[in-house]
């Protein structure tokens, strides 16, 4: 299976008149709410510090954006280099943003702050999709990212996917603040036998609940010594009651860099998505191309389910 680009050009570009988003806009998280697509995108401007902007659209193609970011670095040295790669989940009428902080300092497991590069997965909440309040980190003391919340509790607990490179893990929490190591399980790995997800894997957008299980999108990366170090998109189906159980994982990807603006950019050979949402009978996948612009691909939900079950 191969999904279809809505157009051969990006649907969202940097704003050359803006100091904070004039260079790159990429890796958007999107949620469909009250008849509109709400997009949260990573942006870089004159200082090369990542911030998260906000835009809305009636169709996923034509966008109106806020002139100022909705989330900027605000934790001193912990996020001094940026806030990145948002994923948006709605649970019981509350919106949650999973995002990564990147800074000159790192947050240790005991809560202390140490000098040295830090990458930490964070969670925030909102009731209006514009103002966000931090909840806290999912883990500390390690380089961890590509995380998001499932859209409902599983067995009475919040559940999240996260990436301990090169593998994807599952975590549970009672309150979104405490994520114990004993409640974390390694789920699925890079596949050395494949030429596209042999080096590392990480989750993309929020899992989609289906009758057959949780439909999840992920990115796979080939080995930098034997390939292009390209990011491609694959799918995997997880058990609804126990997501650590993999039901199906097709061998082939559904989407990879092909357009010039995907193969070239701030980082070449990248299609990186933080959003895969279903509206009607269509799956919309928003992604960053080349870490520079934002594109959109779509497919029929029924076709995608047939592929993940039989492909």
C-alpha atoms as a PDB file:
ATOM      1  CA  UNK A   1       0.000   0.000   0.000  1.00  0.00           C
ATOM      2  CA  UNK A   2       1.044   3.554  -0.655  1.00  0.00           C
ATOM      3  CA  UNK A   3      -0.925   6.558   0.509  1.00  0.00           C
ATOM      4  CA  UNK A   4      -1.524   9.667  -1.601  1.00  0.00           C
ATOM      5  CA  UNK A   5      -0.149  13.183  -1.294  1.00  0.00           C
ATOM      6  CA  UNK A   6      -2.939  15.713  -1.392  1.00  0.00           C
ATOM      7  CA  UNK A   7      -0.678  17.850  -3.575  1.00  0.00           C
ATOM      8  CA  UNK A   8       2.908  17.950  -4.742  1.00  0.00           C
ATOM      9  CA  UNK A   9       3.473  21.140  -2.732  1.00  0.00           C
ATOM     10  CA  UNK A  10       3.444  21.753   1.027  1.00  0.00           C
ATOM     11  CA  UNK A  11       0.246  22.906   2.725  1.00  0.00           C
ATOM     12  CA  UNK A  12       2.043  25.114   5.279  1.00  0.00           C
ATOM     13  CA  UNK A  13       5.191  27.216   4.896  1.00  0.00           C
ATOM     14  CA  UNK A  14       7.451  29.360   7.077  1.00  0.00           C
ATOM     15  CA  UNK A  15       6.413  32.990   7.458  1.00  0.00           C
ATOM     16  CA  UNK A  16       9.281  35.187   6.199  1.00  0.00           C
ATOM     17  CA  UNK A  17       7.862  38.197   8.072  1.00  0.00           C
ATOM     18  CA  UNK A  18       8.059  36.449  11.462  1.00  0.00           C
ATOM     19  CA  UNK A  19      11.159  36.392  13.654  1.00  0.00           C
ATOM     20  CA  UNK A  20      10.229  33.073  15.309  1.00  0.00           C
ATOM     21  CA  UNK A  21       8.928  31.022  12.322  1.00  0.00           C
ATOM     22  CA  UNK A  22      10.767  32.416   9.310  1.00  0.00           C
ATOM     23  CA  UNK A  23      13.104  29.431   8.716  1.00  0.00           C
ATOM     24  CA  UNK A  24      11.273  26.168   9.414  1.00  0.00           C
ATOM     25  CA  UNK A  25       7.776  24.915  10.266  1.00  0.00           C
ATOM     26  CA  UNK A  26       7.485  21.153  10.719  1.00  0.00           C
ATOM     27  CA  UNK A  27       6.416  18.111  12.770  1.00  0.00           C
ATOM     28  CA  UNK A  28       2.825  19.226  13.469  1.00  0.00           C
ATOM     29  CA  UNK A  29       0.375  17.709  15.887  1.00  0.00           C
ATOM     30  CA  UNK A  30      -3.244  18.078  14.738  1.00  0.00           C
ATOM     31  CA  UNK A  31      -6.638  17.426  16.296  1.00  0.00           C
ATOM     32  CA  UNK A  32     -10.069  17.704  14.657  1.00  0.00           C
ATOM     33  CA  UNK A  33     -12.522  19.468  16.970  1.00  0.00           C
ATOM     34  CA  UNK A  34     -15.816  21.288  16.372  1.00  0.00           C
ATOM     35  CA  UNK A  35     -15.490  21.024  12.606  1.00  0.00           C
ATOM     36  CA  UNK A  36     -11.970  22.469  12.399  1.00  0.00           C
ATOM     37  CA  UNK A  37      -8.442  21.126  12.122  1.00  0.00           C
ATOM     38  CA  UNK A  38      -6.338  22.563  14.951  1.00  0.00           C
ATOM     39  CA  UNK A  39      -2.616  22.354  14.230  1.00  0.00           C
ATOM     40  CA  UNK A  40       0.307  22.787  16.613  1.00  0.00           C
ATOM     41  CA  UNK A  41       3.589  22.962  14.768  1.00  0.00           C
ATOM     42  CA  UNK A  42       7.250  23.244  15.617  1.00  0.00           C
ATOM     43  CA  UNK A  43       8.797  26.458  14.276  1.00  0.00           C
ATOM     44  CA  UNK A  44      12.290  27.923  14.103  1.00  0.00           C
ATOM     45  CA  UNK A  45      13.251  31.499  13.391  1.00  0.00           C
ATOM     46  CA  UNK A  46      16.162  33.885  13.651  1.00  0.00           C
ATOM     47  CA  UNK A  47      17.470  32.458  16.954  1.00  0.00           C
ATOM     48  CA  UNK A  48      17.000  28.792  15.821  1.00  0.00           C
ATOM     49  CA  UNK A  49      15.101  28.034  19.041  1.00  0.00           C
ATOM     50  CA  UNK A  50      12.043  25.819  18.533  1.00  0.00           C
ATOM     51  CA  UNK A  51       8.640  27.144  19.561  1.00  0.00           C
ATOM     52  CA  UNK A  52       5.154  25.755  19.017  1.00  0.00           C
ATOM     53  CA  UNK A  53       2.734  27.709  16.849  1.00  0.00           C
ATOM     54  CA  UNK A  54      -1.007  27.294  16.371  1.00  0.00           C
ATOM     55  CA  UNK A  55      -3.171  27.402  13.237  1.00  0.00           C
ATOM     56  CA  UNK A  56      -6.742  26.403  12.314  1.00  0.00           C
ATOM     57  CA  UNK A  57      -8.273  25.206   9.061  1.00  0.00           C
ATOM     58  CA  UNK A  58     -11.681  24.079   7.790  1.00  0.00           C
ATOM     59  CA  UNK A  59     -10.172  21.590   5.327  1.00  0.00           C
ATOM     60  CA  UNK A  60      -6.599  20.799   6.427  1.00  0.00           C
ATOM     61  CA  UNK A  61      -5.172  22.733   3.483  1.00  0.00           C
ATOM     62  CA  UNK A  62      -5.945  26.434   3.990  1.00  0.00           C
ATOM     63  CA  UNK A  63      -4.738  27.730   7.349  1.00  0.00           C
ATOM     64  CA  UNK A  64      -5.049  30.788   9.581  1.00  0.00           C
ATOM     65  CA  UNK A  65      -2.265  31.076  12.146  1.00  0.00           C
ATOM     66  CA  UNK A  66      -1.740  33.001  15.345  1.00  0.00           C
ATOM     67  CA  UNK A  67       0.938  35.640  15.114  1.00  0.00           C
ATOM     68  CA  UNK A  68       2.588  34.475  18.341  1.00  0.00           C
ATOM     69  CA  UNK A  69       3.481  30.965  19.532  1.00  0.00           C
ATOM     70  CA  UNK A  70       1.248  29.191  22.036  1.00  0.00           C
ATOM     71  CA  UNK A  71       4.207  27.479  23.710  1.00  0.00           C
ATOM     72  CA  UNK A  72       7.734  28.837  24.076  1.00  0.00           C
ATOM     73  CA  UNK A  73      10.718  27.880  26.248  1.00  0.00           C
ATOM     74  CA  UNK A  74       9.820  28.708  29.845  1.00  0.00           C
ATOM     75  CA  UNK A  75      11.927  26.412  32.064  1.00  0.00           C
ATOM     76  CA  UNK A  76      15.338  28.070  31.959  1.00  0.00           C
ATOM     77  CA  UNK A  77      18.185  25.820  30.925  1.00  0.00           C
ATOM     78  CA  UNK A  78      15.942  22.744  30.596  1.00  0.00           C
ATOM     79  CA  UNK A  79      14.244  24.017  27.425  1.00  0.00           C
ATOM     80  CA  UNK A  80      16.652  26.781  26.407  1.00  0.00           C
ATOM     81  CA  UNK A  81      17.061  25.233  22.942  1.00  0.00           C
ATOM     82  CA  UNK A  82      13.383  24.692  22.305  1.00  0.00           C
ATOM     83  CA  UNK A  83      10.018  23.000  22.757  1.00  0.00           C
ATOM     84  CA  UNK A  84       9.385  20.446  20.031  1.00  0.00           C
ATOM     85  CA  UNK A  85       7.181  17.912  18.233  1.00  0.00           C
ATOM     86  CA  UNK A  86       3.720  18.234  19.828  1.00  0.00           C
ATOM     87  CA  UNK A  87       1.136  15.442  19.812  1.00  0.00           C
ATOM     88  CA  UNK A  88      -2.425  16.319  20.860  1.00  0.00           C
ATOM     89  CA  UNK A  89      -4.896  13.981  22.599  1.00  0.00           C
ATOM     90  CA  UNK A  90      -8.412  14.673  23.889  1.00  0.00           C
ATOM     91  CA  UNK A  91      -9.514  12.653  26.925  1.00  0.00           C
ATOM     92  CA  UNK A  92     -12.900  13.322  28.559  1.00  0.00           C
ATOM     93  CA  UNK A  93     -13.115  16.874  27.203  1.00  0.00           C
ATOM     94  CA  UNK A  94      -9.591  17.909  28.219  1.00  0.00           C
ATOM     95  CA  UNK A  95      -6.817  18.381  25.677  1.00  0.00           C
ATOM     96  CA  UNK A  96      -3.317  17.110  26.355  1.00  0.00           C
ATOM     97  CA  UNK A  97      -0.109  18.022  24.575  1.00  0.00           C
ATOM     98  CA  UNK A  98       2.877  15.695  24.648  1.00  0.00           C
ATOM     99  CA  UNK A  99       5.969  17.682  23.679  1.00  0.00           C
ATOM    100  CA  UNK A 100       9.724  17.458  24.052  1.00  0.00           C
ATOM    101  CA  UNK A 101      12.001  19.970  25.742  1.00  0.00           C
ATOM    102  CA  UNK A 102      15.594  20.417  24.594  1.00  0.00           C
ATOM    103  CA  UNK A 103      18.079  22.432  26.602  1.00  0.00           C
ATOM    104  CA  UNK A 104      21.598  23.096  27.756  1.00  0.00           C
ATOM    105  CA  UNK A 105      20.695  21.453  31.103  1.00  0.00           C
ATOM    106  CA  UNK A 106      19.128  18.091  31.839  1.00  0.00           C
ATOM    107  CA  UNK A 107      16.623  16.900  34.420  1.00  0.00           C
ATOM    108  CA  UNK A 108      17.980  13.968  36.427  1.00  0.00           C
ATOM    109  CA  UNK A 109      15.950  11.065  37.819  1.00  0.00           C
ATOM    110  CA  UNK A 110      16.126  12.494  41.346  1.00  0.00           C
ATOM    111  CA  UNK A 111      14.657  15.803  40.187  1.00  0.00           C
ATOM    112  CA  UNK A 112      17.922  17.711  40.251  1.00  0.00           C
ATOM    113  CA  UNK A 113      19.222  19.762  37.328  1.00  0.00           C
ATOM    114  CA  UNK A 114      22.663  19.081  35.882  1.00  0.00           C
ATOM    115  CA  UNK A 115      24.684  20.816  33.198  1.00  0.00           C
ATOM    116  CA  UNK A 116      24.744  19.060  29.831  1.00  0.00           C
ATOM    117  CA  UNK A 117      22.375  18.540  26.932  1.00  0.00           C
ATOM    118  CA  UNK A 118      18.932  17.369  28.001  1.00  0.00           C
ATOM    119  CA  UNK A 119      16.004  15.936  26.016  1.00  0.00           C
ATOM    120  CA  UNK A 120      12.908  15.258  28.143  1.00  0.00           C
ATOM    121  CA  UNK A 121       9.321  14.234  27.257  1.00  0.00           C
ATOM    122  CA  UNK A 122       6.767  16.605  28.817  1.00  0.00           C
ATOM    123  CA  UNK A 123       2.977  16.725  29.161  1.00  0.00           C
ATOM    124  CA  UNK A 124       0.680  19.766  29.294  1.00  0.00           C
ATOM    125  CA  UNK A 125      -3.092  20.292  29.445  1.00  0.00           C
ATOM    126  CA  UNK A 126      -5.610  22.772  28.059  1.00  0.00           C
ATOM    127  CA  UNK A 127      -9.364  23.310  28.102  1.00  0.00           C
ATOM    128  CA  UNK A 128      -9.458  25.828  25.226  1.00  0.00           C
ATOM    129  CA  UNK A 129      -6.713  24.619  22.828  1.00  0.00           C
ATOM    130  CA  UNK A 130      -4.766  27.873  23.219  1.00  0.00           C
ATOM    131  CA  UNK A 131      -3.550  28.237  26.829  1.00  0.00           C
ATOM    132  CA  UNK A 132      -1.427  25.306  28.033  1.00  0.00           C
ATOM    133  CA  UNK A 133      -0.455  24.355  31.592  1.00  0.00           C
ATOM    134  CA  UNK A 134       2.442  21.987  32.262  1.00  0.00           C
ATOM    135  CA  UNK A 135       1.754  18.703  34.029  1.00  0.00           C
ATOM    136  CA  UNK A 136       5.320  17.422  34.166  1.00  0.00           C
ATOM    137  CA  UNK A 137       7.729  14.940  32.586  1.00  0.00           C
ATOM    138  CA  UNK A 138       6.955  11.374  31.578  1.00  0.00           C
ATOM    139  CA  UNK A 139      10.502  10.261  32.413  1.00  0.00           C
ATOM    140  CA  UNK A 140      13.661  12.019  33.546  1.00  0.00           C
ATOM    141  CA  UNK A 141      17.370  11.279  33.450  1.00  0.00           C
ATOM    142  CA  UNK A 142      17.435   9.932  29.894  1.00  0.00           C
ATOM    143  CA  UNK A 143      17.112  11.023  26.268  1.00  0.00           C
ATOM    144  CA  UNK A 144      13.476  10.140  25.602  1.00  0.00           C
ATOM    145  CA  UNK A 145      10.932  11.496  23.110  1.00  0.00           C
ATOM    146  CA  UNK A 146       8.295  10.549  20.475  1.00  0.00           C
ATOM    147  CA  UNK A 147       5.686  10.201  23.209  1.00  0.00           C
ATOM    148  CA  UNK A 148       1.909  10.656  23.275  1.00  0.00           C
ATOM    149  CA  UNK A 149      -1.172   9.672  25.275  1.00  0.00           C
ATOM    150  CA  UNK A 150      -3.758   7.132  24.188  1.00  0.00           C
ATOM    151  CA  UNK A 151      -7.177   8.814  23.701  1.00  0.00           C
ATOM    152  CA  UNK A 152      -8.774   6.912  26.593  1.00  0.00           C
ATOM    153  CA  UNK A 153      -7.744   5.097  29.724  1.00  0.00           C
ATOM    154  CA  UNK A 154      -6.833   1.432  29.419  1.00  0.00           C
ATOM    155  CA  UNK A 155      -7.819  -0.772  32.343  1.00  0.00           C
ATOM    156  CA  UNK A 156      -8.579   2.360  34.329  1.00  0.00           C
ATOM    157  CA  UNK A 157      -5.168   4.001  33.797  1.00  0.00           C
ATOM    158  CA  UNK A 158      -3.680   6.591  31.490  1.00  0.00           C
ATOM    159  CA  UNK A 159      -1.425   5.024  28.866  1.00  0.00           C
ATOM    160  CA  UNK A 160       1.376   6.530  26.826  1.00  0.00           C
ATOM    161  CA  UNK A 161       3.837   5.487  24.161  1.00  0.00           C
ATOM    162  CA  UNK A 162       7.425   6.751  24.360  1.00  0.00           C
ATOM    163  CA  UNK A 163      10.744   6.026  22.728  1.00  0.00           C
ATOM    164  CA  UNK A 164      13.835   4.708  24.417  1.00  0.00           C
ATOM    165  CA  UNK A 165      16.059   4.626  21.391  1.00  0.00           C
ATOM    166  CA  UNK A 166      15.936   2.493  19.327  1.00  0.00           C
ATOM    167  CA  UNK A 167      12.660   0.961  20.602  1.00  0.00           C
ATOM    168  CA  UNK A 168       9.066   1.922  21.476  1.00  0.00           C
ATOM    169  CA  UNK A 169       7.813   1.503  25.044  1.00  0.00           C
ATOM    170  CA  UNK A 170       4.426   1.614  26.802  1.00  0.00           C
ATOM    171  CA  UNK A 171       3.876   3.384  30.129  1.00  0.00           C
ATOM    172  CA  UNK A 172       0.923   3.600  32.538  1.00  0.00           C
ATOM    173  CA  UNK A 173      -0.006   6.237  35.116  1.00  0.00           C
ATOM    174  CA  UNK A 174      -2.852   6.854  37.551  1.00  0.00           C
ATOM    175  CA  UNK A 175      -2.596  10.657  37.494  1.00  0.00           C
ATOM    176  CA  UNK A 176      -0.354  11.702  34.534  1.00  0.00           C
ATOM    177  CA  UNK A 177       2.254  12.933  37.019  1.00  0.00           C
ATOM    178  CA  UNK A 178       3.753   9.687  38.288  1.00  0.00           C
ATOM    179  CA  UNK A 179       5.094   7.227  35.718  1.00  0.00           C
ATOM    180  CA  UNK A 180       6.804   4.362  37.545  1.00  0.00           C
ATOM    181  CA  UNK A 181       9.480   2.263  35.907  1.00  0.00           C
ATOM    182  CA  UNK A 182       7.678  -0.931  36.937  1.00  0.00           C
ATOM    183  CA  UNK A 183       4.683   0.245  34.870  1.00  0.00           C
ATOM    184  CA  UNK A 184       6.727   0.506  31.671  1.00  0.00           C
ATOM    185  CA  UNK A 185       7.129  -2.234  29.076  1.00  0.00           C
ATOM    186  CA  UNK A 186       9.260  -2.499  25.971  1.00  0.00           C
ATOM    187  CA  UNK A 187       6.854  -3.028  23.074  1.00  0.00           C
ATOM    188  CA  UNK A 188       8.431  -3.304  19.640  1.00  0.00           C
ATOM    189  CA  UNK A 189      11.866  -2.848  18.161  1.00  0.00           C
ATOM    190  CA  UNK A 190      13.739  -1.858  15.057  1.00  0.00           C
ATOM    191  CA  UNK A 191      13.892  -4.762  12.598  1.00  0.00           C
ATOM    192  CA  UNK A 192      17.454  -5.561  11.457  1.00  0.00           C
ATOM    193  CA  UNK A 193      16.144  -7.676   8.574  1.00  0.00           C
ATOM    194  CA  UNK A 194      14.394  -4.691   6.956  1.00  0.00           C
ATOM    195  CA  UNK A 195      15.988  -1.984   4.860  1.00  0.00           C
ATOM    196  CA  UNK A 196      13.766   0.862   6.146  1.00  0.00           C
ATOM    197  CA  UNK A 197      13.199   0.401   9.909  1.00  0.00           C
ATOM    198  CA  UNK A 198      16.404  -1.429  10.817  1.00  0.00           C
ATOM    199  CA  UNK A 199      18.147   1.354  12.779  1.00  0.00           C
ATOM    200  CA  UNK A 200      15.477   2.815  15.074  1.00  0.00           C
ATOM    201  CA  UNK A 201      11.721   3.313  15.370  1.00  0.00           C
ATOM    202  CA  UNK A 202       9.501   5.854  17.102  1.00  0.00           C
ATOM    203  CA  UNK A 203       5.781   6.573  17.376  1.00  0.00           C
ATOM    204  CA  UNK A 204       4.096   9.197  15.203  1.00  0.00           C
ATOM    205  CA  UNK A 205       0.585  10.427  16.053  1.00  0.00           C
ATOM    206  CA  UNK A 206      -2.010   9.425  18.647  1.00  0.00           C
ATOM    207  CA  UNK A 207      -3.209   5.787  18.383  1.00  0.00           C
ATOM    208  CA  UNK A 208      -6.555   5.292  16.613  1.00  0.00           C
ATOM    209  CA  UNK A 209      -9.005   2.927  18.289  1.00  0.00           C
ATOM    210  CA  UNK A 210     -10.614   0.447  15.884  1.00  0.00           C
ATOM    211  CA  UNK A 211     -12.708  -2.699  16.313  1.00  0.00           C
ATOM    212  CA  UNK A 212      -9.609  -4.775  15.573  1.00  0.00           C
ATOM    213  CA  UNK A 213      -7.229  -2.938  17.924  1.00  0.00           C
ATOM    214  CA  UNK A 214      -5.159   0.222  18.265  1.00  0.00           C
ATOM    215  CA  UNK A 215      -3.961   1.408  14.867  1.00  0.00           C
ATOM    216  CA  UNK A 216      -0.624   3.147  15.356  1.00  0.00           C
ATOM    217  CA  UNK A 217       1.667   4.961  12.946  1.00  0.00           C
ATOM    218  CA  UNK A 218       5.413   5.001  13.464  1.00  0.00           C
ATOM    219  CA  UNK A 219       8.569   6.167  11.751  1.00  0.00           C
ATOM    220  CA  UNK A 220      11.388   3.858  10.835  1.00  0.00           C
ATOM    221  CA  UNK A 221      14.944   4.889  10.024  1.00  0.00           C
ATOM    222  CA  UNK A 222      17.459   2.954   7.968  1.00  0.00           C
ATOM    223  CA  UNK A 223      21.049   2.550   9.087  1.00  0.00           C
ATOM    224  CA  UNK A 224      23.226   5.594   8.335  1.00  0.00           C
ATOM    225  CA  UNK A 225      26.103   3.358   7.243  1.00  0.00           C
ATOM    226  CA  UNK A 226      24.134   1.430   4.628  1.00  0.00           C
ATOM    227  CA  UNK A 227      21.233   3.713   3.611  1.00  0.00           C
ATOM    228  CA  UNK A 228      20.246   7.352   3.281  1.00  0.00           C
ATOM    229  CA  UNK A 229      19.316   7.718   6.968  1.00  0.00           C
ATOM    230  CA  UNK A 230      15.801   8.300   5.660  1.00  0.00           C
ATOM    231  CA  UNK A 231      12.630   8.540   7.731  1.00  0.00           C
ATOM    232  CA  UNK A 232       9.702   6.462   6.424  1.00  0.00           C
ATOM    233  CA  UNK A 233       6.232   5.811   7.845  1.00  0.00           C
ATOM    234  CA  UNK A 234       4.800   2.432   8.793  1.00  0.00           C
ATOM    235  CA  UNK A 235       1.759   1.105  10.651  1.00  0.00           C
ATOM    236  CA  UNK A 236       1.243  -1.418  13.429  1.00  0.00           C
ATOM    237  CA  UNK A 237      -1.868  -2.856  15.124  1.00  0.00           C
ATOM    238  CA  UNK A 238      -1.896  -3.360  18.900  1.00  0.00           C
ATOM    239  CA  UNK A 239      -4.322  -5.226  21.151  1.00  0.00           C
ATOM    240  CA  UNK A 240      -7.071  -2.983  22.567  1.00  0.00           C
ATOM    241  CA  UNK A 241      -6.901  -4.307  26.123  1.00  0.00           C
ATOM    242  CA  UNK A 242      -3.152  -4.964  26.240  1.00  0.00           C
ATOM    243  CA  UNK A 243      -1.245  -2.740  23.789  1.00  0.00           C
ATOM    244  CA  UNK A 244       2.004  -4.567  24.536  1.00  0.00           C
ATOM    245  CA  UNK A 245       0.639  -7.333  22.298  1.00  0.00           C
ATOM    246  CA  UNK A 246       1.344  -6.719  18.617  1.00  0.00           C
ATOM    247  CA  UNK A 247      -1.435  -8.102  16.395  1.00  0.00           C
ATOM    248  CA  UNK A 248      -0.009  -7.137  12.991  1.00  0.00           C
ATOM    249  CA  UNK A 249       3.010  -5.243  11.710  1.00  0.00           C
ATOM    250  CA  UNK A 250       3.358  -5.159   7.911  1.00  0.00           C
ATOM    251  CA  UNK A 251       6.861  -5.501   6.520  1.00  0.00           C
ATOM    252  CA  UNK A 252       6.647  -2.525   4.159  1.00  0.00           C
ATOM    253  CA  UNK A 253       6.192   1.213   4.774  1.00  0.00           C
ATOM    254  CA  UNK A 254       3.222   3.208   3.481  1.00  0.00           C
ATOM    255  CA  UNK A 255       4.974   6.538   2.920  1.00  0.00           C
ATOM    256  CA  UNK A 256       8.504   7.822   2.298  1.00  0.00           C
ATOM    257  CA  UNK A 257      10.360  10.901   0.978  1.00  0.00           C
ATOM    258  CA  UNK A 258       9.828  11.464  -2.741  1.00  0.00           C
ATOM    259  CA  UNK A 259       9.225  15.165  -3.337  1.00  0.00           C
ATOM    260  CA  UNK A 260      12.210  17.492  -3.601  1.00  0.00           C
ATOM    261  CA  UNK A 261      11.135  19.377  -0.471  1.00  0.00           C
ATOM    262  CA  UNK A 262      11.137  16.081   1.456  1.00  0.00           C
ATOM    263  CA  UNK A 263      14.488  14.864   0.153  1.00  0.00           C
ATOM    264  CA  UNK A 264      16.127  18.238   0.743  1.00  0.00           C
ATOM    265  CA  UNK A 265      15.705  20.672   3.600  1.00  0.00           C
ATOM    266  CA  UNK A 266      17.175  21.469   6.970  1.00  0.00           C
ATOM    267  CA  UNK A 267      17.404  17.681   7.449  1.00  0.00           C
ATOM    268  CA  UNK A 268      17.208  15.696   4.166  1.00  0.00           C
ATOM    269  CA  UNK A 269      15.165  12.561   3.425  1.00  0.00           C
ATOM    270  CA  UNK A 270      12.603  13.098   6.173  1.00  0.00           C
ATOM    271  CA  UNK A 271       8.834  12.686   6.375  1.00  0.00           C
ATOM    272  CA  UNK A 272       8.038  12.952  10.079  1.00  0.00           C
ATOM    273  CA  UNK A 273       4.474  12.968  11.370  1.00  0.00           C
ATOM    274  CA  UNK A 274       2.986  13.750  14.769  1.00  0.00           C
ATOM    275  CA  UNK A 275      -0.624  13.598  13.530  1.00  0.00           C
ATOM    276  CA  UNK A 276      -2.781  10.870  12.001  1.00  0.00           C
ATOM    277  CA  UNK A 277      -6.477  11.615  12.413  1.00  0.00           C
ATOM    278  CA  UNK A 278      -9.676  10.166  10.991  1.00  0.00           C
ATOM    279  CA  UNK A 279     -12.374  12.499   9.664  1.00  0.00           C
ATOM    280  CA  UNK A 280     -15.291  10.669   8.093  1.00  0.00           C
ATOM    281  CA  UNK A 281     -13.857   7.802   6.074  1.00  0.00           C
ATOM    282  CA  UNK A 282     -10.494   9.480   5.458  1.00  0.00           C
ATOM    283  CA  UNK A 283      -7.205   9.374   7.355  1.00  0.00           C
ATOM    284  CA  UNK A 284      -5.265  12.651   7.307  1.00  0.00           C
ATOM    285  CA  UNK A 285      -1.533  12.447   7.984  1.00  0.00           C
ATOM    286  CA  UNK A 286       0.197  15.792   8.513  1.00  0.00           C
ATOM    287  CA  UNK A 287       3.985  15.709   8.483  1.00  0.00           C
ATOM    288  CA  UNK A 288       7.177  17.695   8.352  1.00  0.00           C
ATOM    289  CA  UNK A 289       9.073  17.466   5.071  1.00  0.00           C
ATOM    290  CA  UNK A 290      12.841  17.838   5.325  1.00  0.00           C
ATOM    291  CA  UNK A 291      12.402  19.523   8.746  1.00  0.00           C
ATOM    292  CA  UNK A 292      11.408  22.634   6.785  1.00  0.00           C
ATOM    293  CA  UNK A 293       7.756  22.638   5.640  1.00  0.00           C
ATOM    294  CA  UNK A 294       4.482  20.798   6.329  1.00  0.00           C
ATOM    295  CA  UNK A 295       2.767  18.390   3.950  1.00  0.00           C
ATOM    296  CA  UNK A 296      -0.418  16.325   3.957  1.00  0.00           C
ATOM    297  CA  UNK A 297      -1.165  12.817   2.717  1.00  0.00           C
ATOM    298  CA  UNK A 298      -4.489  10.984   2.911  1.00  0.00           C
ATOM    299  CA  UNK A 299      -5.964   7.542   2.439  1.00  0.00           C
ATOM    300  CA  UNK A 300      -9.257   5.754   2.964  1.00  0.00           C
ATOM    301  CA  UNK A 301      -9.569   4.304   6.445  1.00  0.00           C
ATOM    302  CA  UNK A 302     -10.938   1.008   5.089  1.00  0.00           C
ATOM    303  CA  UNK A 303      -7.970   0.620   2.738  1.00  0.00           C
ATOM    304  CA  UNK A 304      -5.508   1.252   5.538  1.00  0.00           C
ATOM    305  CA  UNK A 305      -7.178  -1.294   7.825  1.00  0.00           C
ATOM    306  CA  UNK A 306      -7.131  -3.877   5.040  1.00  0.00           C
ATOM    307  CA  UNK A 307      -3.408  -3.278   4.632  1.00  0.00           C
ATOM    308  CA  UNK A 308      -2.534  -3.499   8.316  1.00  0.00           C
ATOM    309  CA  UNK A 309      -4.576  -6.717   8.676  1.00  0.00           C
ATOM    310  CA  UNK A 310      -3.473  -8.445   5.473  1.00  0.00           C
ATOM    311  CA  UNK A 311      -0.513  -6.553   4.005  1.00  0.00           C
END
